[in-house]
N, C-alpha and C. Protein backbone atom coordinates (compact mmCIF):
# COMPACT_ATOMS: atom_id res chain seq x y z
N MET A 1 -19.51 28.16 -17.60
CA MET A 1 -18.59 27.74 -16.57
C MET A 1 -17.58 28.85 -16.33
N THR A 2 -17.39 29.19 -15.09
CA THR A 2 -16.48 30.26 -14.71
C THR A 2 -15.19 29.68 -14.15
N ALA A 3 -14.06 30.14 -14.66
CA ALA A 3 -12.77 29.68 -14.15
C ALA A 3 -12.53 30.29 -12.77
N THR A 4 -12.07 29.48 -11.84
CA THR A 4 -11.77 29.97 -10.50
C THR A 4 -10.28 30.26 -10.33
N GLN A 5 -9.51 29.88 -11.34
CA GLN A 5 -8.07 30.05 -11.23
C GLN A 5 -7.51 30.12 -12.64
N ASP A 6 -6.51 30.92 -12.85
CA ASP A 6 -5.87 31.03 -14.16
C ASP A 6 -4.95 29.84 -14.37
N PRO A 7 -4.78 29.41 -15.63
CA PRO A 7 -3.83 28.33 -15.90
C PRO A 7 -2.41 28.80 -15.57
N LEU A 8 -1.58 27.83 -15.25
CA LEU A 8 -0.19 28.17 -14.93
C LEU A 8 0.52 28.78 -16.13
N ALA A 9 1.23 29.85 -15.89
CA ALA A 9 1.98 30.52 -16.95
C ALA A 9 3.45 30.12 -16.94
N GLU A 10 3.91 29.59 -15.79
CA GLU A 10 5.31 29.19 -15.67
C GLU A 10 5.38 27.72 -15.26
N ASP A 11 6.43 27.07 -15.68
CA ASP A 11 6.66 25.66 -15.35
C ASP A 11 6.85 25.54 -13.84
N PRO A 12 6.00 24.76 -13.14
CA PRO A 12 6.10 24.67 -11.68
C PRO A 12 7.13 23.65 -11.18
N ARG A 13 7.71 22.90 -12.10
CA ARG A 13 8.63 21.85 -11.67
C ARG A 13 9.91 22.44 -11.10
N PRO A 14 10.45 21.82 -10.04
CA PRO A 14 11.69 22.34 -9.45
C PRO A 14 12.89 22.13 -10.37
N ASP A 15 13.88 22.98 -10.23
CA ASP A 15 15.13 22.83 -10.98
C ASP A 15 15.89 21.63 -10.44
N GLY A 16 16.71 21.04 -11.28
CA GLY A 16 17.60 19.98 -10.84
C GLY A 16 16.93 18.62 -10.66
N LEU A 17 15.83 18.37 -11.36
CA LEU A 17 15.19 17.06 -11.24
C LEU A 17 16.16 15.97 -11.65
N ARG A 18 16.12 14.84 -10.95
CA ARG A 18 17.00 13.73 -11.24
C ARG A 18 16.20 12.44 -11.23
N ARG A 19 16.76 11.40 -11.77
CA ARG A 19 16.11 10.09 -11.78
C ARG A 19 16.50 9.32 -10.51
N ALA A 20 15.57 8.51 -10.03
CA ALA A 20 15.83 7.63 -8.89
C ALA A 20 15.60 6.19 -9.34
N LYS A 21 16.38 5.27 -8.81
CA LYS A 21 16.21 3.86 -9.14
C LYS A 21 14.91 3.31 -8.55
N SER A 22 14.52 3.84 -7.39
CA SER A 22 13.32 3.35 -6.72
C SER A 22 12.85 4.40 -5.73
N LEU A 23 11.64 4.19 -5.24
CA LEU A 23 11.03 5.12 -4.28
C LEU A 23 10.36 4.36 -3.14
N ILE A 24 10.11 5.09 -2.07
CA ILE A 24 9.27 4.62 -0.97
C ILE A 24 8.05 5.54 -0.97
N LEU A 25 6.87 4.95 -1.15
CA LEU A 25 5.63 5.72 -1.19
C LEU A 25 4.70 5.25 -0.08
N VAL A 26 4.00 6.19 0.53
CA VAL A 26 3.05 5.88 1.60
C VAL A 26 1.70 6.50 1.24
N ASN A 27 0.66 5.68 1.27
CA ASN A 27 -0.72 6.15 1.11
C ASN A 27 -1.41 5.96 2.45
N THR A 28 -1.75 7.06 3.10
CA THR A 28 -2.32 6.99 4.44
C THR A 28 -3.51 7.93 4.54
N GLY A 29 -4.08 8.07 5.72
CA GLY A 29 -5.21 8.97 5.94
C GLY A 29 -6.50 8.21 6.16
N ASP A 30 -7.55 8.95 6.53
CA ASP A 30 -8.83 8.31 6.86
C ASP A 30 -9.76 8.20 5.66
N GLY A 31 -9.35 8.65 4.49
CA GLY A 31 -10.19 8.59 3.31
C GLY A 31 -10.02 7.31 2.52
N LYS A 32 -10.98 7.06 1.64
CA LYS A 32 -10.94 5.91 0.75
C LYS A 32 -9.90 6.12 -0.34
N GLY A 33 -9.31 5.05 -0.82
CA GLY A 33 -8.45 5.13 -1.99
C GLY A 33 -6.99 4.80 -1.78
N LYS A 34 -6.60 4.46 -0.56
CA LYS A 34 -5.18 4.17 -0.28
C LYS A 34 -4.72 2.94 -1.05
N SER A 35 -5.45 1.85 -0.88
CA SER A 35 -5.10 0.62 -1.61
C SER A 35 -5.37 0.78 -3.09
N SER A 36 -6.48 1.42 -3.44
CA SER A 36 -6.82 1.60 -4.86
C SER A 36 -5.72 2.35 -5.59
N ALA A 37 -5.16 3.38 -4.97
CA ALA A 37 -4.06 4.13 -5.58
C ALA A 37 -2.84 3.22 -5.77
N ALA A 38 -2.56 2.39 -4.77
CA ALA A 38 -1.43 1.46 -4.88
C ALA A 38 -1.67 0.47 -6.02
N PHE A 39 -2.90 0.01 -6.17
CA PHE A 39 -3.19 -0.95 -7.24
C PHE A 39 -3.14 -0.28 -8.61
N GLY A 40 -3.37 1.02 -8.66
CA GLY A 40 -3.14 1.76 -9.90
C GLY A 40 -1.67 1.71 -10.29
N MET A 41 -0.78 1.83 -9.29
CA MET A 41 0.65 1.71 -9.55
C MET A 41 1.00 0.30 -10.00
N VAL A 42 0.31 -0.69 -9.44
CA VAL A 42 0.52 -2.08 -9.87
C VAL A 42 0.23 -2.19 -11.37
N MET A 43 -0.89 -1.64 -11.80
CA MET A 43 -1.26 -1.72 -13.22
C MET A 43 -0.23 -1.01 -14.10
N ARG A 44 0.23 0.17 -13.68
CA ARG A 44 1.25 0.90 -14.44
C ARG A 44 2.54 0.08 -14.54
N SER A 45 2.94 -0.50 -13.44
CA SER A 45 4.19 -1.28 -13.41
C SER A 45 4.09 -2.51 -14.29
N VAL A 46 2.97 -3.21 -14.21
CA VAL A 46 2.77 -4.38 -15.07
C VAL A 46 2.81 -3.97 -16.53
N ALA A 47 2.19 -2.84 -16.86
CA ALA A 47 2.18 -2.36 -18.24
C ALA A 47 3.59 -2.06 -18.74
N ARG A 48 4.51 -1.75 -17.82
CA ARG A 48 5.91 -1.48 -18.17
C ARG A 48 6.78 -2.74 -18.15
N GLY A 49 6.14 -3.89 -17.87
CA GLY A 49 6.88 -5.15 -17.87
C GLY A 49 7.61 -5.45 -16.57
N TRP A 50 7.28 -4.71 -15.52
CA TRP A 50 7.95 -4.93 -14.24
C TRP A 50 7.37 -6.16 -13.54
N PRO A 51 8.21 -6.92 -12.85
CA PRO A 51 7.70 -7.93 -11.93
C PRO A 51 7.18 -7.23 -10.67
N VAL A 52 5.98 -7.61 -10.24
CA VAL A 52 5.28 -6.92 -9.14
C VAL A 52 4.81 -7.94 -8.11
N ALA A 53 4.87 -7.53 -6.84
CA ALA A 53 4.36 -8.36 -5.74
C ALA A 53 3.46 -7.50 -4.86
N VAL A 54 2.41 -8.14 -4.34
CA VAL A 54 1.51 -7.50 -3.39
C VAL A 54 1.38 -8.42 -2.18
N VAL A 55 1.52 -7.84 -0.99
CA VAL A 55 1.26 -8.57 0.25
C VAL A 55 0.18 -7.82 0.99
N GLN A 56 -0.93 -8.51 1.28
CA GLN A 56 -2.02 -7.89 2.02
C GLN A 56 -1.98 -8.37 3.46
N PHE A 57 -1.94 -7.41 4.38
CA PHE A 57 -1.78 -7.71 5.80
C PHE A 57 -3.09 -7.88 6.55
N ILE A 58 -4.19 -7.38 6.04
CA ILE A 58 -5.47 -7.47 6.75
C ILE A 58 -6.47 -8.34 5.99
N LYS A 59 -6.59 -8.12 4.70
CA LYS A 59 -7.60 -8.86 3.94
C LYS A 59 -7.34 -10.36 4.04
N SER A 60 -8.40 -11.10 4.21
CA SER A 60 -8.32 -12.55 4.37
C SER A 60 -8.22 -13.23 3.01
N GLY A 61 -7.57 -14.37 2.98
CA GLY A 61 -7.47 -15.16 1.76
C GLY A 61 -8.81 -15.69 1.28
N THR A 62 -9.83 -15.63 2.12
CA THR A 62 -11.15 -16.10 1.71
C THR A 62 -11.94 -15.01 0.98
N TRP A 63 -11.47 -13.77 1.05
CA TRP A 63 -12.16 -12.68 0.36
C TRP A 63 -11.89 -12.78 -1.14
N GLN A 64 -12.86 -12.44 -1.93
CA GLN A 64 -12.71 -12.44 -3.38
C GLN A 64 -12.74 -11.00 -3.87
N THR A 65 -11.57 -10.43 -4.15
CA THR A 65 -11.52 -9.04 -4.58
C THR A 65 -11.17 -8.95 -6.06
N GLY A 66 -11.71 -7.92 -6.70
CA GLY A 66 -11.43 -7.70 -8.11
C GLY A 66 -9.96 -7.40 -8.38
N GLU A 67 -9.33 -6.64 -7.47
CA GLU A 67 -7.92 -6.30 -7.65
C GLU A 67 -7.05 -7.55 -7.70
N GLU A 68 -7.31 -8.47 -6.80
CA GLU A 68 -6.52 -9.70 -6.77
C GLU A 68 -6.74 -10.51 -8.04
N SER A 69 -7.99 -10.64 -8.44
CA SER A 69 -8.32 -11.45 -9.61
C SER A 69 -7.62 -10.93 -10.87
N VAL A 70 -7.76 -9.65 -11.15
CA VAL A 70 -7.15 -9.12 -12.37
C VAL A 70 -5.63 -9.08 -12.26
N SER A 71 -5.11 -8.77 -11.09
CA SER A 71 -3.65 -8.70 -10.93
C SER A 71 -3.02 -10.07 -11.15
N LYS A 72 -3.61 -11.10 -10.56
CA LYS A 72 -3.06 -12.45 -10.76
C LYS A 72 -3.11 -12.85 -12.23
N SER A 73 -4.19 -12.47 -12.92
CA SER A 73 -4.30 -12.81 -14.34
C SER A 73 -3.23 -12.11 -15.17
N LEU A 74 -2.68 -11.01 -14.64
CA LEU A 74 -1.62 -10.26 -15.32
C LEU A 74 -0.22 -10.67 -14.86
N GLY A 75 -0.14 -11.67 -13.99
CA GLY A 75 1.16 -12.17 -13.56
C GLY A 75 1.71 -11.57 -12.29
N VAL A 76 0.91 -10.80 -11.56
CA VAL A 76 1.36 -10.22 -10.30
C VAL A 76 1.44 -11.33 -9.25
N ASP A 77 2.55 -11.37 -8.50
CA ASP A 77 2.67 -12.29 -7.37
C ASP A 77 1.89 -11.68 -6.22
N TRP A 78 0.90 -12.40 -5.71
CA TRP A 78 -0.07 -11.84 -4.77
C TRP A 78 -0.21 -12.76 -3.58
N TRP A 79 -0.03 -12.20 -2.39
CA TRP A 79 -0.21 -12.96 -1.16
C TRP A 79 -1.20 -12.23 -0.26
N THR A 80 -2.31 -12.86 0.02
CA THR A 80 -3.30 -12.33 0.96
C THR A 80 -3.08 -13.09 2.26
N LEU A 81 -2.35 -12.47 3.18
CA LEU A 81 -1.88 -13.18 4.37
C LEU A 81 -2.54 -12.70 5.65
N GLY A 82 -3.61 -11.91 5.53
CA GLY A 82 -4.29 -11.41 6.72
C GLY A 82 -5.35 -12.36 7.22
N GLU A 83 -5.93 -11.99 8.33
CA GLU A 83 -6.99 -12.78 8.95
C GLU A 83 -8.33 -12.06 8.92
N GLY A 84 -8.39 -10.93 8.22
CA GLY A 84 -9.64 -10.18 8.17
C GLY A 84 -9.67 -9.08 9.21
N PHE A 85 -10.83 -8.48 9.38
CA PHE A 85 -10.99 -7.37 10.31
C PHE A 85 -10.74 -7.81 11.75
N SER A 86 -10.05 -6.99 12.52
CA SER A 86 -9.72 -7.35 13.91
C SER A 86 -10.98 -7.54 14.74
N TRP A 87 -12.03 -6.79 14.46
CA TRP A 87 -13.25 -6.90 15.27
C TRP A 87 -14.01 -8.20 15.00
N ASP A 88 -13.66 -8.90 13.92
CA ASP A 88 -14.27 -10.21 13.63
C ASP A 88 -13.42 -11.36 14.16
N SER A 89 -12.26 -11.05 14.71
CA SER A 89 -11.32 -12.09 15.09
C SER A 89 -11.78 -12.88 16.31
N GLU A 90 -11.51 -14.17 16.25
CA GLU A 90 -11.75 -15.04 17.40
C GLU A 90 -10.47 -15.28 18.18
N ASN A 91 -9.32 -14.88 17.59
CA ASN A 91 -8.05 -15.13 18.25
C ASN A 91 -7.01 -14.10 17.76
N LEU A 92 -6.89 -13.00 18.48
CA LEU A 92 -5.96 -11.94 18.07
C LEU A 92 -4.50 -12.40 18.15
N ASP A 93 -4.19 -13.36 19.03
CA ASP A 93 -2.82 -13.88 19.08
C ASP A 93 -2.47 -14.57 17.76
N GLU A 94 -3.43 -15.30 17.22
CA GLU A 94 -3.22 -15.95 15.93
C GLU A 94 -3.08 -14.91 14.82
N ASP A 95 -3.87 -13.86 14.88
CA ASP A 95 -3.78 -12.78 13.91
C ASP A 95 -2.41 -12.12 13.97
N GLN A 96 -1.91 -11.92 15.19
CA GLN A 96 -0.59 -11.32 15.37
C GLN A 96 0.49 -12.20 14.76
N ALA A 97 0.40 -13.49 14.97
CA ALA A 97 1.38 -14.41 14.40
C ALA A 97 1.31 -14.41 12.88
N THR A 98 0.11 -14.31 12.35
CA THR A 98 -0.07 -14.25 10.89
C THR A 98 0.55 -12.98 10.33
N ALA A 99 0.34 -11.86 11.01
CA ALA A 99 0.94 -10.59 10.57
C ALA A 99 2.45 -10.65 10.62
N ALA A 100 3.00 -11.27 11.64
CA ALA A 100 4.46 -11.41 11.75
C ALA A 100 5.00 -12.24 10.59
N GLU A 101 4.28 -13.29 10.23
CA GLU A 101 4.70 -14.12 9.11
C GLU A 101 4.59 -13.34 7.79
N ALA A 102 3.54 -12.55 7.64
CA ALA A 102 3.38 -11.72 6.45
C ALA A 102 4.55 -10.74 6.35
N TRP A 103 4.97 -10.19 7.49
CA TRP A 103 6.12 -9.27 7.47
C TRP A 103 7.39 -10.00 7.07
N ARG A 104 7.62 -11.19 7.62
CA ARG A 104 8.83 -11.95 7.25
C ARG A 104 8.86 -12.19 5.73
N HIS A 105 7.71 -12.54 5.19
CA HIS A 105 7.62 -12.76 3.74
C HIS A 105 7.91 -11.47 2.99
N SER A 106 7.34 -10.37 3.45
CA SER A 106 7.54 -9.06 2.81
C SER A 106 9.00 -8.64 2.86
N ALA A 107 9.63 -8.82 4.01
CA ALA A 107 11.04 -8.46 4.15
C ALA A 107 11.89 -9.24 3.15
N GLY A 108 11.56 -10.51 2.96
CA GLY A 108 12.27 -11.31 1.98
C GLY A 108 12.10 -10.78 0.57
N LEU A 109 10.90 -10.34 0.23
CA LEU A 109 10.64 -9.77 -1.10
C LEU A 109 11.44 -8.49 -1.30
N LEU A 110 11.49 -7.66 -0.27
CA LEU A 110 12.18 -6.37 -0.38
C LEU A 110 13.69 -6.54 -0.55
N THR A 111 14.26 -7.53 0.09
CA THR A 111 15.70 -7.72 0.01
C THR A 111 16.12 -8.57 -1.19
N ALA A 112 15.23 -9.43 -1.67
CA ALA A 112 15.58 -10.32 -2.78
C ALA A 112 15.79 -9.56 -4.09
N GLY A 113 15.02 -8.50 -4.29
CA GLY A 113 15.19 -7.70 -5.49
C GLY A 113 14.62 -8.32 -6.76
N GLN A 114 13.76 -9.30 -6.64
CA GLN A 114 13.18 -9.93 -7.83
C GLN A 114 11.97 -9.18 -8.37
N HIS A 115 11.43 -8.27 -7.58
CA HIS A 115 10.27 -7.47 -7.99
C HIS A 115 10.68 -6.00 -8.03
N ARG A 116 10.24 -5.28 -9.05
CA ARG A 116 10.53 -3.85 -9.13
C ARG A 116 9.56 -3.04 -8.28
N LEU A 117 8.36 -3.60 -8.02
CA LEU A 117 7.38 -2.94 -7.18
C LEU A 117 6.85 -3.95 -6.18
N VAL A 118 6.85 -3.55 -4.90
CA VAL A 118 6.26 -4.37 -3.83
C VAL A 118 5.27 -3.48 -3.08
N VAL A 119 4.03 -3.93 -3.02
CA VAL A 119 2.98 -3.21 -2.30
C VAL A 119 2.73 -3.94 -0.98
N LEU A 120 2.83 -3.19 0.12
CA LEU A 120 2.54 -3.71 1.46
C LEU A 120 1.21 -3.10 1.87
N ASP A 121 0.13 -3.80 1.50
CA ASP A 121 -1.22 -3.26 1.65
C ASP A 121 -1.70 -3.40 3.09
N GLU A 122 -2.09 -2.28 3.67
CA GLU A 122 -2.62 -2.20 5.03
C GLU A 122 -1.60 -2.61 6.09
N VAL A 123 -0.33 -2.38 5.81
CA VAL A 123 0.74 -2.75 6.74
C VAL A 123 0.78 -1.84 7.96
N THR A 124 0.21 -0.63 7.87
CA THR A 124 0.28 0.28 9.01
C THR A 124 -0.48 -0.24 10.22
N TYR A 125 -1.52 -1.02 10.00
CA TYR A 125 -2.32 -1.51 11.13
C TYR A 125 -1.51 -2.42 12.05
N PRO A 126 -0.91 -3.50 11.54
CA PRO A 126 -0.12 -4.34 12.46
C PRO A 126 1.09 -3.61 13.03
N ILE A 127 1.62 -2.61 12.31
CA ILE A 127 2.70 -1.82 12.89
C ILE A 127 2.17 -1.04 14.09
N ASN A 128 1.04 -0.35 13.91
CA ASN A 128 0.48 0.47 14.99
C ASN A 128 -0.01 -0.36 16.18
N TRP A 129 -0.39 -1.59 15.95
CA TRP A 129 -0.82 -2.47 17.04
C TRP A 129 0.36 -3.10 17.78
N GLY A 130 1.57 -2.85 17.29
CA GLY A 130 2.76 -3.43 17.91
C GLY A 130 3.03 -4.86 17.50
N TRP A 131 2.36 -5.33 16.48
CA TRP A 131 2.55 -6.70 16.01
C TRP A 131 3.79 -6.83 15.13
N ILE A 132 4.19 -5.73 14.51
CA ILE A 132 5.39 -5.68 13.69
C ILE A 132 6.19 -4.48 14.19
N ASP A 133 7.47 -4.67 14.38
CA ASP A 133 8.33 -3.61 14.91
C ASP A 133 8.58 -2.54 13.84
N VAL A 134 8.19 -1.31 14.14
CA VAL A 134 8.33 -0.22 13.18
C VAL A 134 9.79 0.02 12.81
N ASN A 135 10.70 -0.13 13.76
CA ASN A 135 12.12 0.08 13.46
C ASN A 135 12.66 -0.97 12.50
N GLU A 136 12.18 -2.20 12.64
CA GLU A 136 12.57 -3.25 11.70
C GLU A 136 12.01 -2.96 10.31
N VAL A 137 10.77 -2.50 10.25
CA VAL A 137 10.17 -2.15 8.95
C VAL A 137 10.99 -1.04 8.29
N VAL A 138 11.28 0.00 9.02
CA VAL A 138 12.04 1.13 8.47
C VAL A 138 13.43 0.67 8.01
N ALA A 139 14.12 -0.09 8.83
CA ALA A 139 15.46 -0.57 8.46
C ALA A 139 15.41 -1.44 7.20
N THR A 140 14.42 -2.31 7.12
CA THR A 140 14.31 -3.19 5.95
C THR A 140 14.00 -2.39 4.70
N ILE A 141 13.12 -1.42 4.82
CA ILE A 141 12.78 -0.58 3.66
C ILE A 141 13.99 0.23 3.22
N LYS A 142 14.70 0.81 4.17
CA LYS A 142 15.88 1.60 3.82
C LYS A 142 16.97 0.75 3.17
N ASN A 143 17.09 -0.51 3.59
CA ASN A 143 18.14 -1.40 3.11
C ASN A 143 17.66 -2.38 2.04
N ARG A 144 16.49 -2.11 1.46
CA ARG A 144 15.94 -3.00 0.44
C ARG A 144 16.86 -3.02 -0.78
N SER A 145 16.61 -3.97 -1.65
CA SER A 145 17.33 -4.00 -2.92
C SER A 145 17.13 -2.66 -3.62
N PRO A 146 18.17 -2.06 -4.19
CA PRO A 146 18.10 -0.68 -4.66
C PRO A 146 17.10 -0.40 -5.79
N GLU A 147 16.66 -1.41 -6.51
CA GLU A 147 15.72 -1.16 -7.60
C GLU A 147 14.29 -1.52 -7.24
N VAL A 148 14.02 -1.76 -5.97
CA VAL A 148 12.67 -2.12 -5.53
C VAL A 148 11.95 -0.88 -5.00
N THR A 149 10.88 -0.50 -5.67
CA THR A 149 10.00 0.54 -5.17
C THR A 149 8.99 -0.13 -4.24
N VAL A 150 8.75 0.50 -3.11
CA VAL A 150 7.81 -0.07 -2.13
C VAL A 150 6.71 0.93 -1.85
N VAL A 151 5.48 0.42 -1.77
CA VAL A 151 4.31 1.23 -1.43
C VAL A 151 3.71 0.64 -0.17
N LEU A 152 3.53 1.48 0.84
CA LEU A 152 2.90 1.07 2.10
C LEU A 152 1.55 1.78 2.20
N THR A 153 0.51 1.03 2.56
CA THR A 153 -0.81 1.64 2.69
C THR A 153 -1.37 1.40 4.09
N GLY A 154 -2.33 2.24 4.45
CA GLY A 154 -3.07 2.09 5.71
C GLY A 154 -3.17 3.41 6.46
N ARG A 155 -4.16 3.48 7.30
CA ARG A 155 -4.38 4.68 8.11
C ARG A 155 -3.25 4.87 9.11
N ASP A 156 -3.09 6.10 9.55
CA ASP A 156 -2.19 6.43 10.66
C ASP A 156 -0.77 5.91 10.45
N ALA A 157 -0.21 6.17 9.29
CA ALA A 157 1.18 5.75 9.06
C ALA A 157 2.07 6.33 10.14
N PRO A 158 2.89 5.49 10.77
CA PRO A 158 3.79 5.98 11.83
C PRO A 158 4.76 7.02 11.29
N VAL A 159 5.12 7.96 12.14
CA VAL A 159 6.03 9.05 11.75
C VAL A 159 7.35 8.47 11.25
N GLU A 160 7.82 7.36 11.81
CA GLU A 160 9.07 6.76 11.37
C GLU A 160 8.99 6.33 9.91
N VAL A 161 7.84 5.83 9.50
CA VAL A 161 7.64 5.42 8.11
C VAL A 161 7.52 6.65 7.21
N ILE A 162 6.78 7.64 7.66
CA ILE A 162 6.64 8.88 6.90
C ILE A 162 8.00 9.54 6.69
N ASP A 163 8.83 9.55 7.72
CA ASP A 163 10.14 10.19 7.62
C ASP A 163 11.04 9.55 6.58
N VAL A 164 10.95 8.24 6.39
CA VAL A 164 11.83 7.55 5.44
C VAL A 164 11.25 7.57 4.02
N ALA A 165 9.99 7.92 3.86
CA ALA A 165 9.32 7.89 2.56
C ALA A 165 9.77 9.04 1.66
N ASP A 166 9.72 8.78 0.35
CA ASP A 166 9.96 9.82 -0.64
C ASP A 166 8.68 10.58 -0.95
N THR A 167 7.55 9.88 -0.97
CA THR A 167 6.25 10.48 -1.27
C THR A 167 5.25 9.97 -0.25
N VAL A 168 4.51 10.89 0.35
CA VAL A 168 3.44 10.53 1.29
C VAL A 168 2.17 11.23 0.83
N THR A 169 1.13 10.45 0.62
CA THR A 169 -0.17 11.00 0.25
C THR A 169 -1.16 10.68 1.35
N GLU A 170 -1.84 11.70 1.82
CA GLU A 170 -2.85 11.51 2.85
C GLU A 170 -4.23 11.64 2.22
N MET A 171 -4.96 10.54 2.23
CA MET A 171 -6.32 10.53 1.70
C MET A 171 -7.24 11.12 2.77
N CYS A 172 -8.05 12.07 2.36
CA CYS A 172 -8.94 12.78 3.28
C CYS A 172 -10.38 12.40 2.98
N ASN A 173 -11.12 11.99 4.01
CA ASN A 173 -12.51 11.62 3.84
C ASN A 173 -13.38 12.87 3.87
N VAL A 174 -13.81 13.32 2.70
CA VAL A 174 -14.72 14.45 2.61
C VAL A 174 -16.15 13.95 2.76
N LYS A 175 -16.47 12.85 2.07
CA LYS A 175 -17.79 12.25 2.13
C LYS A 175 -17.66 10.82 1.62
N HIS A 176 -18.34 9.88 2.25
CA HIS A 176 -18.26 8.48 1.84
C HIS A 176 -19.64 7.85 1.96
N ALA A 177 -20.02 7.07 0.97
CA ALA A 177 -21.33 6.42 0.96
C ALA A 177 -21.55 5.57 2.21
N TYR A 178 -20.49 4.93 2.70
CA TYR A 178 -20.58 4.09 3.88
C TYR A 178 -21.10 4.87 5.09
N ASP A 179 -20.69 6.14 5.19
CA ASP A 179 -21.12 6.99 6.30
C ASP A 179 -22.64 7.19 6.32
N SER A 180 -23.28 7.06 5.17
CA SER A 180 -24.74 7.20 5.12
C SER A 180 -25.44 5.85 5.09
N GLY A 181 -24.68 4.77 5.40
CA GLY A 181 -25.29 3.46 5.55
C GLY A 181 -25.25 2.57 4.32
N ILE A 182 -24.49 2.94 3.29
CA ILE A 182 -24.41 2.13 2.08
C ILE A 182 -23.24 1.16 2.19
N ARG A 183 -23.53 -0.13 2.00
CA ARG A 183 -22.51 -1.18 2.08
C ARG A 183 -21.50 -1.05 0.94
N ALA A 184 -20.33 -1.67 1.13
CA ALA A 184 -19.32 -1.75 0.08
C ALA A 184 -19.92 -2.48 -1.13
N ILE A 185 -19.55 -2.03 -2.34
CA ILE A 185 -20.11 -2.56 -3.56
C ILE A 185 -19.02 -3.25 -4.37
N LYS A 186 -19.33 -4.50 -4.80
CA LYS A 186 -18.39 -5.23 -5.67
C LYS A 186 -18.17 -4.39 -6.93
N GLY A 187 -16.91 -4.33 -7.35
CA GLY A 187 -16.57 -3.58 -8.56
C GLY A 187 -16.24 -2.13 -8.27
N ILE A 188 -16.67 -1.61 -7.14
CA ILE A 188 -16.34 -0.24 -6.74
C ILE A 188 -15.40 -0.25 -5.55
N ASP A 189 -15.77 -0.97 -4.51
CA ASP A 189 -14.99 -0.98 -3.27
C ASP A 189 -14.09 -2.20 -3.15
N TYR A 190 -14.38 -3.26 -3.87
CA TYR A 190 -13.54 -4.46 -3.81
C TYR A 190 -13.75 -5.32 -5.03
């Protein structure tokens, strides 16, 4: 095996690092792993004894996902408040109302301060569709309880959300099994 790069010889960390009570994190991009990365943070937070909440804006309550099952067994407060994929919808007005209610619930979680971590899974979609006001989301996140870390996931995160975030990760789709016709697999994709 040939090394393509030498190991770091100097500490790359910036000077003046400080602690923060909480963060705003965004997982966006067209690649897989946005929600999975957020659920990794859920596991870390639970392991530290933090109270954690997850609100899913797209996934339907009828879906059976591994993340929800294990998280609930670990005491995570979990709300699956979506109506499923928009292309399967029979009533987008109802979906919009459901998303608005999911946002109201999320805003309450962010301001109440009872959870140290709140994940807003796939929240970028209803924001981008105009179902949830981006300015209200940004204001609520900025004015959240000071010890609540929030993670927002979904493609095409609005610039307003990116601007207020402390950390933004863009997942890039290099190659995906789905692109070659392979369906999502239980235990891997959900």
